[in-house]
Amino acid sequence: MSHLTRLPGVPDSADIRPGMAYFPGTGPYGKTCNDCAHRGYWRAGKTKFNARTGLLEQTRVRSGGCREFLRLTHPHGPTIQRTWQACKYYVARSSAGARS
């Protein structure tokens, strides 16, 4: 917690969640990171040799991080918890993009 005066409704350094693009709770009321289109994305994995085809193949890994955090800071962030309150970069997940 910071040593400055805490104002109601204003984010504080104690509210920071690692890997989030902005302070939690600054998005739409009642929405969580699980409802956001930015949570989870595919990234490049290890290159593996396929003995059947004789080619090197790039694998893909599903990340549980925030795509908006990646866009803003460039390193891959840690996994975002589904229950965290949404931030100001919240974008509603489309029904076609919903995960099972």
Protein backbone atom coordinates (compact mmCIF):
# COMPACT_ATOMS: atom_id res chain seq x y z
CA MET A 1 0.00 0.00 0.00
CA SER A 2 1.29 3.47 -0.80
CA HIS A 3 1.94 6.14 1.81
CA LEU A 4 -0.24 8.67 0.01
CA THR A 5 -3.86 9.46 0.75
CA ARG A 6 -6.20 6.83 -0.66
CA LEU A 7 -9.13 8.32 -2.60
CA PRO A 8 -12.31 6.31 -3.09
CA GLY A 9 -12.71 5.09 -6.67
CA VAL A 10 -9.10 5.88 -7.60
CA PRO A 11 -6.74 2.91 -8.25
CA ASP A 12 -3.83 2.51 -5.85
CA SER A 13 -0.53 0.64 -6.17
CA ALA A 14 -1.95 -2.02 -3.83
CA ASP A 15 -4.58 -2.84 -6.47
CA ILE A 16 -2.02 -3.96 -9.09
CA ARG A 17 -2.32 -7.52 -10.41
CA PRO A 18 0.74 -8.89 -12.26
CA GLY A 19 0.11 -9.36 -15.97
CA MET A 20 -2.97 -7.14 -16.22
CA ALA A 21 -2.96 -4.30 -18.74
CA TYR A 22 -4.47 -1.84 -16.22
CA PHE A 23 -5.90 -1.70 -12.69
CA PRO A 24 -8.61 -4.29 -11.93
CA GLY A 25 -12.10 -2.94 -11.34
CA THR A 26 -11.75 -0.10 -13.88
CA GLY A 27 -13.80 -1.96 -16.50
CA PRO A 28 -17.55 -2.54 -16.71
CA TYR A 29 -19.26 -3.32 -13.42
CA GLY A 30 -19.63 -7.03 -12.73
CA LYS A 31 -17.34 -8.17 -15.57
CA THR A 32 -14.29 -10.36 -14.95
CA CYS A 33 -11.20 -11.22 -16.95
CA ASN A 34 -12.86 -14.50 -17.93
CA ASP A 35 -15.47 -12.50 -19.91
CA CYS A 36 -12.77 -10.54 -21.79
CA ALA A 37 -11.60 -11.30 -25.34
CA HIS A 38 -8.00 -10.37 -24.41
CA ARG A 39 -7.59 -13.21 -21.90
CA GLY A 40 -5.74 -16.12 -23.49
CA TYR A 41 -3.95 -16.21 -26.83
CA TRP A 42 -1.77 -18.52 -28.94
CA ARG A 43 2.00 -17.95 -28.99
CA ALA A 44 4.91 -19.67 -30.66
CA GLY A 45 6.26 -22.73 -28.90
CA LYS A 46 9.32 -24.89 -29.48
CA THR A 47 10.43 -25.95 -32.94
CA LYS A 48 10.34 -29.74 -33.26
CA PHE A 49 11.60 -32.14 -35.89
CA ASN A 50 8.91 -34.27 -37.52
CA ALA A 51 10.55 -37.62 -38.42
CA ARG A 52 7.64 -38.61 -40.68
CA THR A 53 7.90 -35.57 -42.95
CA GLY A 54 11.56 -34.69 -42.33
CA LEU A 55 10.65 -31.05 -41.62
CA LEU A 56 11.00 -28.70 -38.68
CA GLU A 57 7.58 -27.68 -37.37
CA GLN A 58 6.73 -24.71 -35.18
CA THR A 59 4.41 -25.65 -32.32
CA ARG A 60 1.86 -23.32 -30.75
CA VAL A 61 1.16 -22.92 -27.04
CA ARG A 62 -2.01 -21.53 -25.48
CA SER A 63 -1.16 -18.76 -23.03
CA GLY A 64 -3.50 -17.74 -20.20
CA GLY A 65 -2.07 -14.23 -20.16
CA CYS A 66 -3.56 -10.94 -21.31
CA ARG A 67 -3.11 -10.11 -25.01
CA GLU A 68 -3.48 -6.40 -24.26
CA PHE A 69 -0.66 -6.60 -21.67
CA LEU A 70 1.51 -8.23 -24.37
CA ARG A 71 0.64 -5.47 -26.86
CA LEU A 72 1.44 -2.69 -24.40
CA THR A 73 4.61 -4.07 -22.77
CA HIS A 74 5.84 -6.74 -25.26
CA PRO A 75 6.87 -9.51 -22.80
CA HIS A 76 4.46 -12.37 -22.16
CA GLY A 77 2.80 -11.87 -18.78
CA PRO A 78 1.77 -14.45 -16.19
CA THR A 79 -1.56 -16.24 -16.32
CA ILE A 80 -4.54 -14.01 -15.55
CA GLN A 81 -7.04 -15.37 -13.04
CA ARG A 82 -10.60 -15.76 -14.33
CA THR A 83 -12.12 -14.16 -11.24
CA TRP A 84 -10.20 -10.88 -11.35
CA GLN A 85 -12.31 -7.80 -12.04
CA ALA A 86 -12.02 -6.47 -15.59
CA CYS A 87 -9.75 -3.53 -16.43
CA LYS A 88 -10.40 -0.52 -18.67
CA TYR A 89 -9.19 -2.45 -21.75
CA TYR A 90 -12.08 -4.93 -21.39
CA VAL A 91 -13.58 -6.14 -24.67
CA ALA A 92 -16.57 -8.47 -24.56
CA ARG A 93 -15.80 -11.94 -25.86
CA SER A 94 -17.83 -12.79 -28.96
CA SER A 95 -19.94 -15.93 -28.91
CA ALA A 96 -17.93 -17.33 -31.86
CA GLY A 97 -14.66 -16.83 -29.94
CA ALA A 98 -15.88 -18.44 -26.72
CA ARG A 99 -13.80 -21.31 -25.42
CA SER A 100 -15.30 -24.58 -24.38
